[in-house]
Protein backbone atom coordinates (compact mmCIF):
# COMPACT_ATOMS: atom_id res chain seq x y z
CA UNK A 1 -11.15 -15.99 -29.29
CA UNK A 2 -13.10 -13.82 -31.73
CA UNK A 3 -11.41 -10.91 -33.46
CA UNK A 4 -13.97 -8.46 -32.01
CA UNK A 5 -13.22 -9.54 -28.42
CA UNK A 6 -9.48 -9.45 -29.13
CA UNK A 7 -9.77 -5.88 -30.43
CA UNK A 8 -11.94 -4.82 -27.47
CA UNK A 9 -9.49 -6.41 -25.01
CA UNK A 10 -6.53 -4.59 -26.54
CA UNK A 11 -8.45 -1.30 -26.29
CA UNK A 12 -9.32 -2.14 -22.67
CA UNK A 13 -5.63 -2.02 -21.66
CA UNK A 14 -4.53 0.74 -24.05
CA UNK A 15 -4.46 4.51 -23.86
CA UNK A 16 -3.89 4.76 -20.08
CA UNK A 17 -2.46 7.90 -18.50
CA UNK A 18 -1.72 6.54 -15.02
CA UNK A 19 -2.15 7.92 -11.54
CA UNK A 20 -0.25 10.15 -9.10
CA UNK A 21 3.01 9.22 -7.40
CA UNK A 22 1.35 9.63 -4.02
CA UNK A 23 -1.45 7.21 -4.88
CA UNK A 24 1.04 4.59 -6.11
CA UNK A 25 3.08 4.95 -2.93
CA UNK A 26 -0.06 4.56 -0.80
CA UNK A 27 -1.09 1.39 -2.65
CA UNK A 28 2.44 0.01 -2.28
CA UNK A 29 2.62 0.95 1.40
CA UNK A 30 -0.05 -1.68 2.10
CA UNK A 31 2.77 -4.21 1.67
CA UNK A 32 4.75 -2.51 4.45
CA UNK A 33 1.67 -2.41 6.68
CA UNK A 34 1.03 -6.11 6.14
CA UNK A 35 4.62 -6.98 7.13
CA UNK A 36 4.36 -4.78 10.22
CA UNK A 37 1.12 -6.56 11.17
CA UNK A 38 2.76 -9.95 10.57
CA UNK A 39 5.78 -9.06 12.73
CA UNK A 40 3.55 -7.68 15.48
CA UNK A 41 1.59 -10.95 15.63
CA UNK A 42 4.73 -13.05 15.29
CA UNK A 43 6.48 -11.43 18.25
CA UNK A 44 3.41 -11.57 20.51
CA UNK A 45 1.40 -14.64 19.53
CA UNK A 46 2.79 -18.22 19.42
CA UNK A 47 2.80 -19.68 15.90
CA UNK A 48 1.31 -23.01 14.88
CA UNK A 49 3.27 -24.73 12.13
CA UNK A 50 0.11 -26.60 11.08
CA UNK A 51 -1.55 -23.36 9.99
CA UNK A 52 1.59 -21.45 9.05
CA UNK A 53 0.82 -21.28 5.32
CA UNK A 54 -2.77 -20.20 5.91
CA UNK A 55 -1.70 -17.56 8.42
CA UNK A 56 1.03 -16.08 6.24
CA UNK A 57 -1.16 -16.11 3.13
CA UNK A 58 -3.93 -14.30 5.03
CA UNK A 59 -1.65 -11.67 6.58
CA UNK A 60 0.76 -11.07 3.69
CA UNK A 61 -0.94 -11.91 0.39
CA UNK A 62 -4.62 -11.12 0.90
CA UNK A 63 -3.85 -7.45 1.76
CA UNK A 64 -1.95 -7.15 -1.53
CA UNK A 65 -4.97 -8.50 -3.39
CA UNK A 66 -7.28 -6.05 -1.63
CA UNK A 67 -4.92 -3.11 -2.22
CA UNK A 68 -5.25 -3.33 -6.02
CA UNK A 69 -8.94 -4.24 -6.13
CA UNK A 70 -11.45 -3.44 -3.36
CA UNK A 71 -9.28 -0.79 -1.65
CA UNK A 72 -7.43 0.45 -4.74
CA UNK A 73 -8.96 3.92 -4.48
CA UNK A 74 -8.68 4.08 -0.67
CA UNK A 75 -5.45 2.20 0.19
CA UNK A 76 -4.89 4.38 3.25
CA UNK A 77 -8.00 2.91 4.88
CA UNK A 78 -6.63 -0.61 4.48
CA UNK A 79 -3.23 0.39 5.88
CA UNK A 80 -4.93 2.14 8.80
CA UNK A 81 -6.99 -0.95 9.65
CA UNK A 82 -3.89 -3.16 9.67
CA UNK A 83 -1.96 -0.59 11.70
CA UNK A 84 -4.70 -0.52 14.34
CA UNK A 85 -4.73 -4.33 14.52
CA UNK A 86 -0.95 -4.41 14.81
CA UNK A 87 -0.95 -1.69 17.44
CA UNK A 88 -3.47 -3.56 19.58
CA UNK A 89 -1.37 -6.73 19.38
CA UNK A 90 1.63 -4.79 20.69
CA UNK A 91 -0.22 -4.44 23.99
CA UNK A 92 0.45 -8.15 24.54
CA UNK A 93 3.78 -9.14 26.19
CA UNK A 94 6.63 -9.95 23.85
CA UNK A 95 7.48 -13.64 23.53
CA UNK A 96 11.18 -13.26 24.32
CA UNK A 97 12.25 -14.04 27.89
CA UNK A 98 15.12 -11.62 28.20
CA UNK A 99 18.10 -10.01 26.51
CA UNK A 100 21.48 -11.67 26.99
CA UNK A 101 24.40 -9.53 27.96
CA UNK A 102 27.60 -9.50 25.92
CA UNK A 103 30.58 -11.44 27.18
CA UNK A 104 34.00 -9.97 27.70
CA UNK A 105 35.55 -13.08 26.20
CA UNK A 106 37.44 -12.63 22.97
CA UNK A 107 36.63 -14.90 20.04
CA UNK A 108 39.37 -17.27 19.06
CA UNK A 109 42.00 -16.11 16.66
CA UNK A 110 41.01 -18.83 14.25
CA UNK A 111 37.55 -17.33 13.85
CA UNK A 112 38.69 -13.72 13.72
CA UNK A 113 38.16 -11.98 10.37
CA UNK A 114 41.48 -10.17 10.78
CA UNK A 115 44.51 -11.59 9.01
CA UNK A 116 47.42 -12.70 11.11
CA UNK A 117 50.70 -10.88 10.97
CA UNK A 118 53.50 -12.36 9.00
CA UNK A 119 51.34 -14.34 6.56
CA UNK A 120 52.34 -14.62 2.95
CA UNK A 121 50.97 -11.62 1.00
CA UNK A 122 49.62 -13.76 -1.83
CA UNK A 123 47.69 -15.86 0.68
CA UNK A 124 46.41 -12.68 2.31
CA UNK A 125 45.24 -11.48 -1.11
CA UNK A 126 43.40 -14.74 -1.76
CA UNK A 127 41.78 -14.54 1.67
CA UNK A 128 40.15 -11.22 0.75
CA UNK A 129 38.55 -12.66 -2.36
CA UNK A 130 35.75 -14.58 -0.64
CA UNK A 131 33.53 -12.31 1.43
CA UNK A 132 30.58 -14.03 3.08
CA UNK A 133 27.17 -12.65 2.10
CA UNK A 134 24.69 -13.56 4.80
CA UNK A 135 20.96 -13.57 3.93
CA UNK A 136 19.23 -10.23 4.43
CA UNK A 137 15.64 -10.84 5.61
CA UNK A 138 14.49 -7.39 4.48
CA UNK A 139 15.69 -8.11 0.94
CA UNK A 140 13.81 -11.42 0.88
CA UNK A 141 10.64 -9.63 1.98
CA UNK A 142 11.13 -6.83 -0.55
CA UNK A 143 11.69 -9.20 -3.49
CA UNK A 144 8.84 -11.51 -2.51
CA UNK A 145 6.38 -8.62 -2.28
CA UNK A 146 7.57 -7.33 -5.66
CA UNK A 147 7.08 -10.77 -7.23
CA UNK A 148 3.67 -11.30 -5.65
CA UNK A 149 2.45 -7.89 -6.80
CA UNK A 150 3.72 -8.70 -10.29
CA UNK A 151 1.88 -12.04 -10.34
CA UNK A 152 -1.26 -10.30 -9.14
CA UNK A 153 -1.25 -7.31 -11.47
CA UNK A 154 -0.59 -9.18 -14.72
CA UNK A 155 -3.95 -10.94 -14.29
CA UNK A 156 -5.90 -8.34 -12.30
CA UNK A 157 -5.40 -5.74 -15.06
CA UNK A 158 -7.73 -7.79 -17.27
CA UNK A 159 -10.67 -7.30 -14.84
CA UNK A 160 -12.74 -4.11 -14.43
CA UNK A 161 -12.21 -4.27 -10.65
CA UNK A 162 -8.57 -3.29 -11.26
CA UNK A 163 -8.50 0.54 -11.67
CA UNK A 164 -7.33 1.69 -15.09
CA UNK A 165 -5.14 4.26 -13.34
CA UNK A 166 -2.90 1.43 -12.10
CA UNK A 167 -2.49 -0.15 -15.55
CA UNK A 168 0.53 0.52 -17.78
CA UNK A 169 0.54 3.96 -19.35
CA UNK A 170 0.50 4.36 -23.10
CA UNK A 171 3.43 6.77 -23.38
CA UNK A 172 3.75 9.19 -20.46
CA UNK A 173 2.49 8.78 -16.91
CA UNK A 174 3.08 6.84 -13.72
CA UNK A 175 1.25 3.71 -12.64
CA UNK A 176 1.73 0.74 -10.34
CA UNK A 177 2.38 -1.61 -13.24
CA UNK A 178 4.86 0.82 -14.76
CA UNK A 179 6.98 0.94 -11.62
CA UNK A 180 6.57 -2.83 -11.25
CA UNK A 181 8.44 -3.50 -14.50
CA UNK A 182 11.36 -1.32 -13.45
CA UNK A 183 11.32 -2.80 -9.94
CA UNK A 184 11.74 -6.28 -11.41
CA UNK A 185 14.94 -5.16 -13.17
CA UNK A 186 16.14 -3.17 -10.14
CA UNK A 187 15.72 -6.16 -7.79
CA UNK A 188 17.52 -8.41 -10.28
CA UNK A 189 20.41 -5.96 -10.14
CA UNK A 190 20.52 -6.11 -6.34
CA UNK A 191 20.89 -9.90 -6.43
CA UNK A 192 23.48 -9.67 -9.21
CA UNK A 193 25.74 -7.78 -6.82
CA UNK A 194 26.40 -10.97 -4.83
CA UNK A 195 29.24 -12.31 -7.06
CA UNK A 196 30.92 -8.90 -7.02
CA UNK A 197 30.79 -8.74 -3.24
CA UNK A 198 32.05 -12.27 -2.79
CA UNK A 199 34.85 -11.88 -5.33
CA UNK A 200 35.57 -8.24 -6.31
CA UNK A 201 38.45 -9.40 -8.53
CA UNK A 202 35.77 -10.80 -10.86
CA UNK A 203 35.59 -7.29 -12.32
CA UNK A 204 39.18 -7.55 -13.56
CA UNK A 205 38.89 -11.01 -15.12
CA UNK A 206 39.09 -11.37 -18.95
CA UNK A 207 36.00 -9.90 -20.58
CA UNK A 208 35.23 -12.36 -23.39
CA UNK A 209 35.03 -15.50 -21.19
CA UNK A 210 32.73 -13.63 -18.79
CA UNK A 211 30.43 -12.57 -21.64
CA UNK A 212 30.25 -16.16 -22.86
CA UNK A 213 29.39 -17.47 -19.38
CA UNK A 214 26.70 -14.85 -18.78
CA UNK A 215 25.24 -15.41 -22.25
CA UNK A 216 24.92 -19.12 -21.52
CA UNK A 217 23.16 -18.35 -18.24
CA UNK A 218 20.76 -15.97 -20.01
CA UNK A 219 20.06 -18.38 -22.89
CA UNK A 220 17.00 -19.90 -21.12
CA UNK A 221 15.48 -16.41 -20.81
CA UNK A 222 16.04 -15.81 -24.52
CA UNK A 223 14.39 -19.15 -25.28
CA UNK A 224 11.44 -18.21 -23.07
CA UNK A 225 11.16 -14.94 -24.98
CA UNK A 226 11.00 -16.78 -28.29
CA UNK A 227 8.45 -19.27 -26.96
CA UNK A 228 6.26 -16.47 -25.60
CA UNK A 229 6.30 -14.63 -28.93
CA UNK A 230 5.40 -17.79 -30.84
CA UNK A 231 2.62 -18.73 -28.43
CA UNK A 232 1.07 -15.25 -28.41
CA UNK A 233 1.07 -15.11 -32.21
CA UNK A 234 -0.14 -18.70 -32.49
CA UNK A 235 -3.29 -18.33 -30.39
CA UNK A 236 -3.96 -14.69 -31.41
CA UNK A 237 -3.72 -13.60 -27.79
CA UNK A 238 -4.53 -9.90 -27.16
CA UNK A 239 -1.29 -7.94 -27.10
CA UNK A 240 -0.27 -4.34 -26.61
CA UNK A 241 2.35 -3.63 -29.28
CA UNK A 242 3.33 -0.22 -27.94
CA UNK A 243 4.52 -1.91 -24.72
CA UNK A 244 7.65 -3.58 -26.16
CA UNK A 245 7.00 -4.05 -29.87
CA UNK A 246 5.68 -6.71 -32.22
CA UNK A 247 8.11 -9.52 -31.32
CA UNK A 248 9.97 -8.21 -28.29
CA UNK A 249 8.86 -9.04 -24.75
CA UNK A 250 10.13 -8.61 -21.19
CA UNK A 251 12.06 -11.92 -21.26
CA UNK A 252 14.37 -10.52 -23.96
CA UNK A 253 15.01 -7.44 -21.81
CA UNK A 254 15.85 -9.59 -18.77
CA UNK A 255 18.22 -11.66 -20.93
CA UNK A 256 20.17 -8.84 -22.61
CA UNK A 257 20.62 -6.49 -19.63
CA UNK A 258 23.07 -8.74 -17.67
CA UNK A 259 25.14 -9.24 -20.81
CA UNK A 260 25.43 -5.50 -21.39
CA UNK A 261 26.32 -5.05 -17.72
CA UNK A 262 29.33 -7.38 -18.05
CA UNK A 263 30.67 -5.24 -20.91
CA UNK A 264 30.96 -2.34 -18.45
CA UNK A 265 33.17 -4.20 -15.94
CA UNK A 266 36.36 -2.34 -17.02
CA UNK A 267 34.61 0.93 -16.11
CA UNK A 268 33.37 -0.49 -12.80
CA UNK A 269 36.98 -0.92 -11.75
CA UNK A 270 37.51 2.83 -11.86
CA UNK A 271 34.10 4.36 -11.26
CA UNK A 272 31.51 3.90 -8.52
CA UNK A 273 28.72 1.72 -9.86
CA UNK A 274 26.12 4.31 -8.83
CA UNK A 275 27.93 6.98 -10.85
CA UNK A 276 28.14 4.63 -13.82
CA UNK A 277 24.39 4.02 -13.59
CA UNK A 278 23.75 7.78 -13.56
CA UNK A 279 26.00 8.27 -16.60
CA UNK A 280 24.15 5.56 -18.53
CA UNK A 281 20.86 7.23 -17.52
CA UNK A 282 22.06 10.58 -18.84
CA UNK A 283 23.25 8.91 -22.05
CA UNK A 284 19.80 7.31 -22.49
CA UNK A 285 18.08 10.67 -22.07
CA UNK A 286 20.58 12.32 -24.43
CA UNK A 287 19.93 9.89 -27.29
CA UNK A 288 16.19 10.10 -26.68
CA UNK A 289 16.29 13.89 -26.92
CA UNK A 290 18.52 13.64 -30.00
CA UNK A 291 15.81 11.90 -32.02
CA UNK A 292 15.11 8.41 -30.67
CA UNK A 293 12.01 9.65 -28.82
CA UNK A 294 10.46 10.75 -32.09
CA UNK A 295 11.49 7.48 -33.72
CA UNK A 296 9.66 5.46 -31.08
CA UNK A 297 6.51 7.60 -30.98
CA UNK A 298 5.95 8.46 -34.64
CA UNK A 299 7.88 6.22 -37.02
CA UNK A 300 6.08 3.31 -38.74
CA UNK A 301 6.85 -0.27 -37.75
CA UNK A 302 8.96 -1.10 -40.79
CA UNK A 303 11.59 -3.83 -40.57
CA UNK A 304 12.64 -5.85 -37.53
CA UNK A 305 14.07 -2.85 -35.65
CA UNK A 306 11.08 -0.65 -36.38
CA UNK A 307 8.68 -3.39 -35.32
CA UNK A 308 10.40 -3.72 -31.94
CA UNK A 309 11.55 -0.13 -31.43
CA UNK A 310 10.23 0.16 -27.85
CA UNK A 311 12.06 -2.91 -26.61
CA UNK A 312 15.33 -2.02 -28.32
CA UNK A 313 15.38 1.68 -27.41
CA UNK A 314 14.43 1.05 -23.76
CA UNK A 315 17.26 -1.48 -23.31
CA UNK A 316 19.84 1.18 -22.36
CA UNK A 317 17.45 2.63 -19.79
CA UNK A 318 16.86 -0.76 -18.21
CA UNK A 319 20.65 -1.24 -18.12
CA UNK A 320 20.88 1.97 -16.06
CA UNK A 321 18.22 0.68 -13.65
CA UNK A 322 20.08 -2.65 -13.41
CA UNK A 323 23.35 -0.87 -12.58
CA UNK A 324 21.66 1.25 -9.90
CA UNK A 325 20.22 -1.97 -8.48
CA UNK A 326 23.71 -3.48 -8.35
CA UNK A 327 24.96 -0.35 -6.59
CA UNK A 328 22.19 -0.70 -4.00
CA UNK A 329 23.07 -4.37 -3.58
CA UNK A 330 26.69 -3.50 -2.77
CA UNK A 331 25.36 -1.32 0.07
CA UNK A 332 22.75 -3.61 1.65
CA UNK A 333 24.21 -7.09 1.10
CA UNK A 334 27.66 -6.91 2.80
CA UNK A 335 27.80 -6.85 6.61
CA UNK A 336 28.94 -3.22 6.38
CA UNK A 337 27.58 -0.80 3.73
CA UNK A 338 31.05 0.61 3.00
CA UNK A 339 32.76 -2.76 2.64
CA UNK A 340 32.46 -3.14 -1.16
CA UNK A 341 33.57 0.43 -1.83
CA UNK A 342 36.77 -0.15 0.13
CA UNK A 343 37.37 -3.45 -1.66
CA UNK A 344 36.79 -1.72 -5.00
CA UNK A 345 39.29 0.98 -4.10
CA UNK A 346 41.82 -1.65 -3.09
CA UNK A 347 41.36 -3.49 -6.37
CA UNK A 348 41.91 -0.29 -8.32
CA UNK A 349 45.10 0.42 -6.37
CA UNK A 350 46.33 -3.13 -7.00
CA UNK A 351 46.05 -2.60 -10.75
CA UNK A 352 47.64 0.85 -10.63
CA UNK A 353 50.53 -0.51 -8.53
CA UNK A 354 50.94 -3.76 -10.47
CA UNK A 355 54.37 -2.76 -11.80
CA UNK A 356 55.68 -1.44 -8.51
CA UNK A 357 58.14 -3.65 -6.64
CA UNK A 358 58.99 -3.15 -3.02
CA UNK A 359 60.13 -5.19 -0.10
CA UNK A 360 57.19 -6.65 1.83
CA UNK A 361 56.92 -5.94 5.50
CA UNK A 362 54.06 -6.71 7.83
CA UNK A 363 51.92 -3.86 9.09
CA UNK A 364 49.53 -3.34 11.95
CA UNK A 365 46.12 -4.93 11.55
CA UNK A 366 44.49 -1.65 12.41
CA UNK A 367 46.10 0.10 9.42
CA UNK A 368 43.39 0.79 6.85
CA UNK A 369 45.53 2.32 4.12
CA UNK A 370 44.17 -0.22 1.61
CA UNK A 371 47.25 -1.90 0.14
CA UNK A 372 50.64 -2.95 1.45
CA UNK A 373 54.01 -1.96 0.00
CA UNK A 374 53.80 -4.63 -2.68
CA UNK A 375 50.45 -3.31 -3.86
CA UNK A 376 48.42 -6.21 -2.49
CA UNK A 377 45.16 -5.46 -0.67
CA UNK A 378 45.12 -5.95 3.07
CA UNK A 379 42.43 -7.91 4.77
CA UNK A 380 39.52 -5.59 5.56
CA UNK A 381 37.70 -6.11 8.85
CA UNK A 382 34.29 -7.72 8.47
CA UNK A 383 31.72 -7.08 11.23
CA UNK A 384 30.64 -10.09 13.26
CA UNK A 385 27.00 -9.16 12.67
CA UNK A 386 25.18 -7.02 10.12
CA UNK A 387 25.33 -3.29 10.73
CA UNK A 388 21.71 -2.80 9.68
CA UNK A 389 21.46 0.51 11.51
CA UNK A 390 24.36 1.88 9.51
CA UNK A 391 22.93 0.41 6.31
CA UNK A 392 19.58 2.08 6.99
CA UNK A 393 21.26 5.47 7.45
CA UNK A 394 23.16 5.20 4.17
CA UNK A 395 20.13 3.87 2.29
CA UNK A 396 18.01 6.74 3.60
CA UNK A 397 20.54 9.20 2.18
CA UNK A 398 20.27 7.50 -1.21
CA UNK A 399 16.47 7.68 -1.03
CA UNK A 400 16.56 11.40 -0.26
CA UNK A 401 18.96 12.03 -3.15
CA UNK A 402 16.81 10.09 -5.62
CA UNK A 403 13.59 11.85 -4.61
CA UNK A 404 15.27 15.28 -4.79
CA UNK A 405 16.65 14.47 -8.26
CA UNK A 406 13.23 13.26 -9.33
CA UNK A 407 11.63 16.50 -8.11
CA UNK A 408 14.23 18.53 -10.02
CA UNK A 409 13.77 16.50 -13.22
CA UNK A 410 10.00 16.84 -12.95
CA UNK A 411 10.18 20.58 -12.24
CA UNK A 412 12.30 21.18 -15.35
CA UNK A 413 10.29 18.74 -17.47
CA UNK A 414 13.32 16.69 -18.46
CA UNK A 415 12.29 14.07 -20.97
CA UNK A 416 8.71 15.31 -21.11
CA UNK A 417 7.56 13.30 -18.11
CA UNK A 418 7.76 9.73 -16.82
CA UNK A 419 7.79 7.22 -19.66
CA UNK A 420 8.17 3.49 -19.16
CA UNK A 421 7.74 3.03 -22.90
CA UNK A 422 11.17 4.53 -23.65
CA UNK A 423 12.63 4.35 -20.09
CA UNK A 424 13.72 7.96 -19.94
CA UNK A 425 15.59 9.76 -17.18
CA UNK A 426 12.53 10.59 -15.08
CA UNK A 427 11.41 6.96 -15.14
CA UNK A 428 14.87 5.68 -14.14
CA UNK A 429 15.14 8.09 -11.21
CA UNK A 430 11.58 7.32 -10.09
CA UNK A 431 12.18 3.56 -10.09
CA UNK A 432 15.40 4.04 -8.10
CA UNK A 433 13.72 6.32 -5.55
CA UNK A 434 10.71 4.01 -5.17
CA UNK A 435 12.71 0.82 -4.67
CA UNK A 436 15.33 2.38 -2.41
CA UNK A 437 12.60 3.82 -0.18
CA UNK A 438 10.62 0.61 0.17
CA UNK A 439 13.72 -1.53 0.73
CA UNK A 440 14.64 0.96 3.46
CA UNK A 441 11.15 0.51 4.91
CA UNK A 442 11.60 -3.25 5.22
CA UNK A 443 15.01 -2.82 6.86
CA UNK A 444 13.53 -0.36 9.37
CA UNK A 445 10.75 -2.84 10.21
CA UNK A 446 13.39 -5.48 10.94
CA UNK A 447 15.27 -3.05 13.17
CA UNK A 448 12.09 -2.10 15.05
CA UNK A 449 10.70 -5.58 15.66
CA UNK A 450 13.99 -7.50 15.98
CA UNK A 451 16.54 -5.17 17.62
CA UNK A 452 19.96 -6.69 18.17
CA UNK A 453 20.95 -7.24 21.83
CA UNK A 454 24.44 -6.03 20.91
CA UNK A 455 25.17 -2.48 19.89
CA UNK A 456 27.20 -1.87 16.74
CA UNK A 457 30.19 -0.60 18.71
CA UNK A 458 30.13 -3.73 20.85
CA UNK A 459 30.54 -6.31 18.11
CA UNK A 460 32.33 -4.34 15.40
CA UNK A 461 35.96 -5.48 15.01
CA UNK A 462 36.97 -1.90 14.23
CA UNK A 463 35.69 -0.69 17.60
CA UNK A 464 38.15 0.31 20.30
CA UNK A 465 35.99 -1.45 22.88
CA UNK A 466 37.43 -4.82 23.88
CA UNK A 467 34.03 -6.45 24.30
CA UNK A 468 32.81 -9.15 21.94
CA UNK A 469 29.67 -11.29 21.83
CA UNK A 470 29.73 -14.65 23.55
CA UNK A 471 29.38 -17.29 20.78
CA UNK A 472 27.34 -19.44 23.13
CA UNK A 473 24.79 -16.68 23.66
CA UNK A 474 24.60 -16.03 19.93
CA UNK A 475 23.89 -19.71 19.29
CA UNK A 476 21.25 -19.66 22.01
CA UNK A 477 19.57 -16.68 20.34
CA UNK A 478 19.61 -18.45 16.97
CA UNK A 479 17.72 -21.35 18.49
CA UNK A 480 14.69 -19.11 19.04
CA UNK A 481 13.22 -18.86 15.51
CA UNK A 482 10.19 -16.92 16.69
CA UNK A 483 12.39 -14.09 17.92
CA UNK A 484 15.15 -13.97 15.33
CA UNK A 485 15.23 -11.72 12.32
CA UNK A 486 13.98 -14.17 9.67
CA UNK A 487 11.61 -13.48 6.78
CA UNK A 488 8.23 -15.24 6.49
CA UNK A 489 8.57 -18.81 5.25
CA UNK A 490 6.15 -18.10 2.39
CA UNK A 491 8.36 -15.24 1.18
CA UNK A 492 11.43 -17.48 1.26
CA UNK A 493 9.50 -20.03 -0.79
CA UNK A 494 8.50 -17.41 -3.38
CA UNK A 495 12.10 -16.18 -3.70
CA UNK A 496 13.54 -19.65 -4.06
CA UNK A 497 11.65 -20.35 -7.30
CA UNK A 498 10.78 -16.82 -8.41
CA UNK A 499 11.42 -17.39 -12.13
CA UNK A 500 9.41 -20.62 -12.21
CA UNK A 501 6.52 -18.91 -10.43
CA UNK A 502 6.75 -15.99 -12.86
CA UNK A 503 6.42 -18.44 -15.76
CA UNK A 504 3.54 -20.20 -14.02
CA UNK A 505 1.79 -16.85 -13.43
CA UNK A 506 2.17 -15.92 -17.10
CA UNK A 507 0.86 -19.30 -18.22
CA UNK A 508 -2.09 -19.15 -15.81
CA UNK A 509 -2.88 -15.58 -16.90
CA UNK A 510 -3.01 -16.65 -20.54
CA UNK A 511 -5.11 -19.69 -19.77
CA UNK A 512 -7.63 -17.70 -17.70
CA UNK A 513 -7.94 -15.01 -20.37
CA UNK A 514 -8.50 -17.60 -23.09
CA UNK A 515 -11.11 -19.42 -20.99
CA UNK A 516 -13.04 -16.55 -19.38
CA UNK A 517 -14.38 -13.19 -20.61
CA UNK A 518 -12.44 -11.35 -17.91
CA UNK A 519 -13.25 -7.93 -19.33
CA UNK A 520 -16.96 -8.42 -18.62
CA UNK A 521 -16.79 -10.23 -15.25
CA UNK A 522 -18.41 -8.79 -12.13
CA UNK A 523 -16.31 -7.62 -9.21
CA UNK A 524 -17.25 -10.47 -6.86
CA UNK A 525 -16.50 -13.11 -9.49
CA UNK A 526 -13.21 -11.39 -10.32
CA UNK A 527 -12.25 -11.54 -6.64
CA UNK A 528 -12.97 -15.28 -6.58
CA UNK A 529 -10.83 -15.90 -9.67
CA UNK A 530 -7.96 -13.72 -8.40
CA UNK A 531 -8.07 -15.32 -4.93
CA UNK A 532 -7.91 -18.84 -6.35
CA UNK A 533 -5.16 -17.78 -8.75
CA UNK A 534 -2.96 -16.30 -6.00
CA UNK A 535 -3.69 -19.19 -3.64
CA UNK A 536 -2.63 -21.66 -6.34
CA UNK A 537 0.66 -19.87 -7.07
CA UNK A 538 1.51 -19.54 -3.38
CA UNK A 539 0.62 -23.20 -2.82
CA UNK A 540 3.03 -24.24 -5.56
CA UNK A 541 5.71 -22.04 -3.99
CA UNK A 542 5.05 -23.58 -0.57
CA UNK A 543 5.13 -27.12 -1.93
CA UNK A 544 8.49 -26.44 -3.65
CA UNK A 545 9.99 -24.42 -0.80
CA UNK A 546 12.70 -27.01 -0.03
CA UNK A 547 13.88 -27.41 -3.61
CA UNK A 548 14.98 -25.17 -6.45
CA UNK A 549 13.32 -26.23 -9.69
CA UNK A 550 15.22 -24.01 -12.12
CA UNK A 551 18.55 -22.36 -11.39
CA UNK A 552 19.92 -19.70 -13.74
């Protein structure tokens, strides 16, 4: 690669000022429209397993490709076309043959999530430490779409067909690629909530051993960061230094954020995780306003810290996004959105009452006071099925709060505007509002196209109604895969090996840029290259869908 082309390529992706929030939301909403179209076809038209990959790629991936290329300036037209097609398909009869009625039979005591009276309190405490986390189809869809858009944009940005308004902004501004970086961290935080939900007492375990374990898990990401830096410098690949710095890259950010999160576990015992995320966000904005903003924007790149000032300074901001992602995960992943909060409160009371000694006596199962007289947490009722309607209501309230806070921050000009470069307060709030809203959208699509035959009050163990679902009918419903609430198989495949596919996408992007003059390619040729590129990545994901290649 000649030095002139390298310089021109760096200028091609530099100096961007972004687009409007509304335009970014419209481009992103194509993903929601494609899922709605897929669900409409899936519930009305019989599927052929022979052409399943081709069908899902055409309905779910091709629209994403079109949304950032051919329809990038008119994404609403693309969404409208898919909405019309989906609406017409709804005129066909639904595939299901009927809705089973709930049975008045009670489930066996052995399968009841309630603890029996008279059990040993220590055993009761241990029983509360393993909460099942069932797969959430909407989360799988949300993460897969985020990954696929990431794979697409990191290569598409090198072609003229990709609008410059969607490329990463130089300092201030909002773009699709800017929100994509934060979304990657936010979604990682959602998944990282799983261990906390399964075992809330993990927060109170000794800190140093946890830091060592997490550091070992993140070591491969650090190694990947080193390898990427060496490879980029070795082949003189075009790079944008104001993005992260001279040596820093996104792999280092992904590696350090979970480690920093573990250091905050003592505070998570006493504070809501969402509040902790907001406090870290305010701290990030405070230190930026105190002088770090000027350091990043004006100081020379002298020394190791100065050379990588963007990556180092933005780390606290990404930690805030990660914490807010964890907080969202504690709402959407448990069967009930309030379950983790109650477990967290119980755990706090256990520690505050650790020195108290009292005679143990059994209490009513319906008592929800939190702890018994010995300070041990009681068994909390777990719903038989996900309360997605309740989750959607709570998530919508979070979305409203984030968008209102974003409007306030923008109105008062806090931080000077949205800046992914330093991850300031406006950027953190925007990423949280964007991801909360679109995750809510996927949950609502699941509720619309796959409504449960049992109302929440019918199957909730906390309900006063003595009606429970018949296990036989539930099993019968599970045996109808075309009618159950399951994500597309291609999305499950992408999620299973997301990190490997991310590495493959980065490698393929570098190889294509070193082999082809992407900056000067025509639109039709760019579409061919991008289509083959996305088809190849999705094919690898499909081929590896039954195995996990790399587990971190």
